[in-house]
Amino acid sequence: MVRVARARISDLFSLAEREAMGGHPELADRYVVLARRIGMRYNVRLPVEYRELYCRGCSAFWIEGRTVRTRIRENRRVRTCLRCGRKRRTGIRRPARASGGGPWTTANPAQREEGALAVFLPEEGGETTEEESEEE
């Protein structure tokens, strides 16, 4: 039954999206209400991608600019429902820093002393080719 409930929830959200883009937001809202009821009845959590598509207060399917306003403030995304006024705040994840990849890292102190425009050549005295050994 859980598998059937998950399939039905995903079908209802795809129908809600199609109806919202087609100009029937009240029908999209009804599909969201039905999907939430199915989730509650069968104790199935809604997937993360669906949880961000509706208002938890009035079950309105969010359409950017029409039913929801999104603002970015202090590393948070604040989404305000334009029907009931409820706000939903979510954190914004910063991209992970690459280890050793940037001017802020101190992986190689010699690199910092050279300057930003320095060209780094491979070290001499390493492997030699046959031509180089003949010249010596």
C-alpha atoms as a PDB file:
ATOM      1  CA  MET A   1       0.000   0.000   0.000  1.00  0.00           C
ATOM      2  CA  VAL A   2       2.874   2.369   0.736  1.00  0.00           C
ATOM      3  CA  ARG A   3       4.247   1.979  -2.777  1.00  0.00           C
ATOM      4  CA  VAL A   4       0.818   2.720  -4.256  1.00  0.00           C
ATOM      5  CA  ALA A   5       0.464   5.787  -2.003  1.00  0.00           C
ATOM      6  CA  ARG A   6       3.849   7.155  -3.121  1.00  0.00           C
ATOM      7  CA  ALA A   7       2.938   6.637  -6.754  1.00  0.00           C
ATOM      8  CA  ARG A   8      -0.405   8.375  -6.265  1.00  0.00           C
ATOM      9  CA  ILE A   9       1.255  11.322  -4.492  1.00  0.00           C
ATOM     10  CA  SER A  10       3.734  11.813  -7.334  1.00  0.00           C
ATOM     11  CA  ASP A  11       0.889  11.580  -9.880  1.00  0.00           C
ATOM     12  CA  LEU A  12      -1.115  14.203  -7.988  1.00  0.00           C
ATOM     13  CA  PHE A  13       1.818  16.617  -7.817  1.00  0.00           C
ATOM     14  CA  SER A  14       2.499  16.236 -11.533  1.00  0.00           C
ATOM     15  CA  LEU A  15      -1.199  16.921 -12.204  1.00  0.00           C
ATOM     16  CA  ALA A  16      -1.050  19.948  -9.901  1.00  0.00           C
ATOM     17  CA  GLU A  17       1.912  21.353 -11.796  1.00  0.00           C
ATOM     18  CA  ARG A  18       0.200  20.816 -15.142  1.00  0.00           C
ATOM     19  CA  GLU A  19      -3.032  22.454 -13.982  1.00  0.00           C
ATOM     20  CA  ALA A  20      -1.198  25.397 -12.413  1.00  0.00           C
ATOM     21  CA  MET A  21       0.604  26.104 -15.680  1.00  0.00           C
ATOM     22  CA  GLY A  22      -2.635  25.597 -17.584  1.00  0.00           C
ATOM     23  CA  GLY A  23      -4.441  28.337 -15.696  1.00  0.00           C
ATOM     24  CA  HIS A  24      -6.416  26.382 -13.095  1.00  0.00           C
ATOM     25  CA  PRO A  25      -4.739  27.144  -9.747  1.00  0.00           C
ATOM     26  CA  GLU A  26      -7.794  26.082  -7.708  1.00  0.00           C
ATOM     27  CA  LEU A  27      -7.575  22.592  -9.209  1.00  0.00           C
ATOM     28  CA  ALA A  28      -3.842  22.470  -8.478  1.00  0.00           C
ATOM     29  CA  ASP A  29      -4.583  23.371  -4.849  1.00  0.00           C
ATOM     30  CA  ARG A  30      -7.126  20.555  -4.639  1.00  0.00           C
ATOM     31  CA  TYR A  31      -4.544  18.045  -5.917  1.00  0.00           C
ATOM     32  CA  VAL A  32      -2.111  19.192  -3.230  1.00  0.00           C
ATOM     33  CA  VAL A  33      -4.762  18.707  -0.534  1.00  0.00           C
ATOM     34  CA  LEU A  34      -5.471  15.185  -1.807  1.00  0.00           C
ATOM     35  CA  ALA A  35      -1.772  14.297  -1.941  1.00  0.00           C
ATOM     36  CA  ARG A  36      -1.281  15.502   1.635  1.00  0.00           C
ATOM     37  CA  ARG A  37      -4.284  13.460   2.833  1.00  0.00           C
ATOM     38  CA  ILE A  38      -2.949  10.323   1.177  1.00  0.00           C
ATOM     39  CA  GLY A  39       0.420  10.899   2.852  1.00  0.00           C
ATOM     40  CA  MET A  40      -1.214  11.293   6.249  1.00  0.00           C
ATOM     41  CA  ARG A  41      -3.533   8.306   5.876  1.00  0.00           C
ATOM     42  CA  TYR A  42      -0.813   5.857   4.847  1.00  0.00           C
ATOM     43  CA  ASN A  43       1.926   7.473   6.982  1.00  0.00           C
ATOM     44  CA  VAL A  44       4.081   8.295   3.957  1.00  0.00           C
ATOM     45  CA  ARG A  45       6.370  11.306   4.004  1.00  0.00           C
ATOM     46  CA  LEU A  46       6.294  13.548   0.987  1.00  0.00           C
ATOM     47  CA  PRO A  47       9.583  13.663  -0.935  1.00  0.00           C
ATOM     48  CA  VAL A  48      11.727  16.763  -0.424  1.00  0.00           C
ATOM     49  CA  GLU A  49      11.127  18.043  -3.940  1.00  0.00           C
ATOM     50  CA  TYR A  50       7.357  18.064  -3.312  1.00  0.00           C
ATOM     51  CA  ARG A  51       7.549  19.622   0.154  1.00  0.00           C
ATOM     52  CA  GLU A  52       8.855  22.864  -1.317  1.00  0.00           C
ATOM     53  CA  LEU A  53       6.024  23.221  -3.831  1.00  0.00           C
ATOM     54  CA  TYR A  54       3.125  24.141  -1.553  1.00  0.00           C
ATOM     55  CA  CYS A  55       2.142  26.225   1.460  1.00  0.00           C
ATOM     56  CA  ARG A  56       1.806  24.271   4.675  1.00  0.00           C
ATOM     57  CA  GLY A  57      -0.768  26.728   5.980  1.00  0.00           C
ATOM     58  CA  CYS A  58      -3.354  26.837   3.189  1.00  0.00           C
ATOM     59  CA  SER A  59      -2.131  24.004   0.878  1.00  0.00           C
ATOM     60  CA  ALA A  60      -1.779  26.390  -2.065  1.00  0.00           C
ATOM     61  CA  PHE A  61       0.373  25.095  -4.903  1.00  0.00           C
ATOM     62  CA  TRP A  62       3.135  27.671  -5.246  1.00  0.00           C
ATOM     63  CA  ILE A  63       3.622  29.386  -8.572  1.00  0.00           C
ATOM     64  CA  GLU A  64       6.514  31.825  -8.496  1.00  0.00           C
ATOM     65  CA  GLY A  65       5.220  35.385  -8.735  1.00  0.00           C
ATOM     66  CA  ARG A  66       1.531  34.471  -8.524  1.00  0.00           C
ATOM     67  CA  THR A  67       1.082  32.617  -5.264  1.00  0.00           C
ATOM     68  CA  VAL A  68       4.530  32.861  -3.662  1.00  0.00           C
ATOM     69  CA  ARG A  69       7.197  35.540  -3.249  1.00  0.00           C
ATOM     70  CA  THR A  70      10.802  34.433  -2.753  1.00  0.00           C
ATOM     71  CA  ARG A  71      13.469  36.591  -1.132  1.00  0.00           C
ATOM     72  CA  ILE A  72      17.068  35.803  -0.250  1.00  0.00           C
ATOM     73  CA  ARG A  73      18.222  37.266   3.071  1.00  0.00           C
ATOM     74  CA  GLU A  74      21.316  36.423   5.114  1.00  0.00           C
ATOM     75  CA  ASN A  75      21.922  32.952   3.643  1.00  0.00           C
ATOM     76  CA  ARG A  76      18.231  32.083   3.935  1.00  0.00           C
ATOM     77  CA  ARG A  77      15.494  31.709   1.382  1.00  0.00           C
ATOM     78  CA  VAL A  78      12.261  33.249   2.654  1.00  0.00           C
ATOM     79  CA  ARG A  79       9.161  32.192   0.742  1.00  0.00           C
ATOM     80  CA  THR A  80       5.938  34.058   1.536  1.00  0.00           C
ATOM     81  CA  CYS A  81       2.569  32.642   0.513  1.00  0.00           C
ATOM     82  CA  LEU A  82       0.566  35.400  -1.161  1.00  0.00           C
ATOM     83  CA  ARG A  83      -2.744  33.780  -0.165  1.00  0.00           C
ATOM     84  CA  CYS A  84      -2.385  33.293   3.589  1.00  0.00           C
ATOM     85  CA  GLY A  85       0.811  35.241   4.341  1.00  0.00           C
ATOM     86  CA  ARG A  86       2.650  32.348   5.970  1.00  0.00           C
ATOM     87  CA  LYS A  87       6.437  32.504   5.662  1.00  0.00           C
ATOM     88  CA  ARG A  88       8.721  29.568   5.126  1.00  0.00           C
ATOM     89  CA  ARG A  89      12.413  30.004   5.825  1.00  0.00           C
ATOM     90  CA  THR A  90      15.011  27.564   4.552  1.00  0.00           C
ATOM     91  CA  GLY A  91      18.779  27.749   4.708  1.00  0.00           C
ATOM     92  CA  ILE A  92      20.898  28.062   1.615  1.00  0.00           C
ATOM     93  CA  ARG A  93      23.827  25.716   1.430  1.00  0.00           C
ATOM     94  CA  ARG A  94      27.145  27.239   0.485  1.00  0.00           C
ATOM     95  CA  PRO A  95      29.235  25.404  -2.101  1.00  0.00           C
ATOM     96  CA  ALA A  96      31.957  23.285  -0.541  1.00  0.00           C
ATOM     97  CA  ARG A  97      35.469  24.669  -0.777  1.00  0.00           C
ATOM     98  CA  ALA A  98      37.883  22.630  -2.800  1.00  0.00           C
ATOM     99  CA  SER A  99      40.902  21.649  -0.739  1.00  0.00           C
ATOM    100  CA  GLY A 100      43.974  23.543  -1.891  1.00  0.00           C
ATOM    101  CA  GLY A 101      42.096  25.420  -4.576  1.00  0.00           C
ATOM    102  CA  GLY A 102      42.106  29.120  -3.992  1.00  0.00           C
ATOM    103  CA  PRO A 103      44.072  32.077  -2.774  1.00  0.00           C
ATOM    104  CA  TRP A 104      42.729  31.644   0.773  1.00  0.00           C
ATOM    105  CA  THR A 105      44.363  28.268   1.266  1.00  0.00           C
ATOM    106  CA  THR A 106      47.858  27.831   2.640  1.00  0.00           C
ATOM    107  CA  ALA A 107      48.559  24.424   1.148  1.00  0.00           C
ATOM    108  CA  ASN A 108      51.869  25.542  -0.397  1.00  0.00           C
ATOM    109  CA  PRO A 109      53.493  28.564   1.274  1.00  0.00           C
ATOM    110  CA  ALA A 110      55.965  28.961  -1.628  1.00  0.00           C
ATOM    111  CA  GLN A 111      53.082  29.640  -3.984  1.00  0.00           C
ATOM    112  CA  ARG A 112      51.896  32.579  -1.915  1.00  0.00           C
ATOM    113  CA  GLU A 113      55.331  34.198  -1.922  1.00  0.00           C
ATOM    114  CA  GLU A 114      55.601  34.021  -5.707  1.00  0.00           C
ATOM    115  CA  GLY A 115      52.506  36.107  -6.326  1.00  0.00           C
ATOM    116  CA  ALA A 116      49.258  35.567  -8.144  1.00  0.00           C
ATOM    117  CA  LEU A 117      50.672  35.893 -11.672  1.00  0.00           C
ATOM    118  CA  ALA A 118      53.654  33.586 -11.233  1.00  0.00           C
ATOM    119  CA  VAL A 119      54.148  30.664 -13.601  1.00  0.00           C
ATOM    120  CA  PHE A 120      55.119  27.412 -11.954  1.00  0.00           C
ATOM    121  CA  LEU A 121      57.393  25.109 -13.911  1.00  0.00           C
ATOM    122  CA  PRO A 122      58.174  21.505 -13.031  1.00  0.00           C
ATOM    123  CA  GLU A 123      61.228  21.020 -10.855  1.00  0.00           C
ATOM    124  CA  GLU A 124      64.554  20.429 -12.597  1.00  0.00           C
ATOM    125  CA  GLY A 125      66.724  17.436 -11.798  1.00  0.00           C
ATOM    126  CA  GLY A 126      63.949  14.917 -12.191  1.00  0.00           C
ATOM    127  CA  GLU A 127      63.734  12.348 -14.941  1.00  0.00           C
ATOM    128  CA  THR A 128      65.929  12.851 -17.987  1.00  0.00           C
ATOM    129  CA  THR A 129      65.366  11.675 -21.516  1.00  0.00           C
ATOM    130  CA  GLU A 130      67.901   9.916 -23.741  1.00  0.00           C
ATOM    131  CA  GLU A 131      68.674  13.109 -25.646  1.00  0.00           C
ATOM    132  CA  GLU A 132      69.484  14.992 -22.456  1.00  0.00           C
ATOM    133  CA  SER A 133      71.775  12.202 -21.214  1.00  0.00           C
ATOM    134  CA  GLU A 134      73.724  12.223 -24.534  1.00  0.00           C
ATOM    135  CA  GLU A 135      74.339  15.949 -24.248  1.00  0.00           C
ATOM    136  CA  GLU A 136      75.961  15.579 -20.819  1.00  0.00           C
END
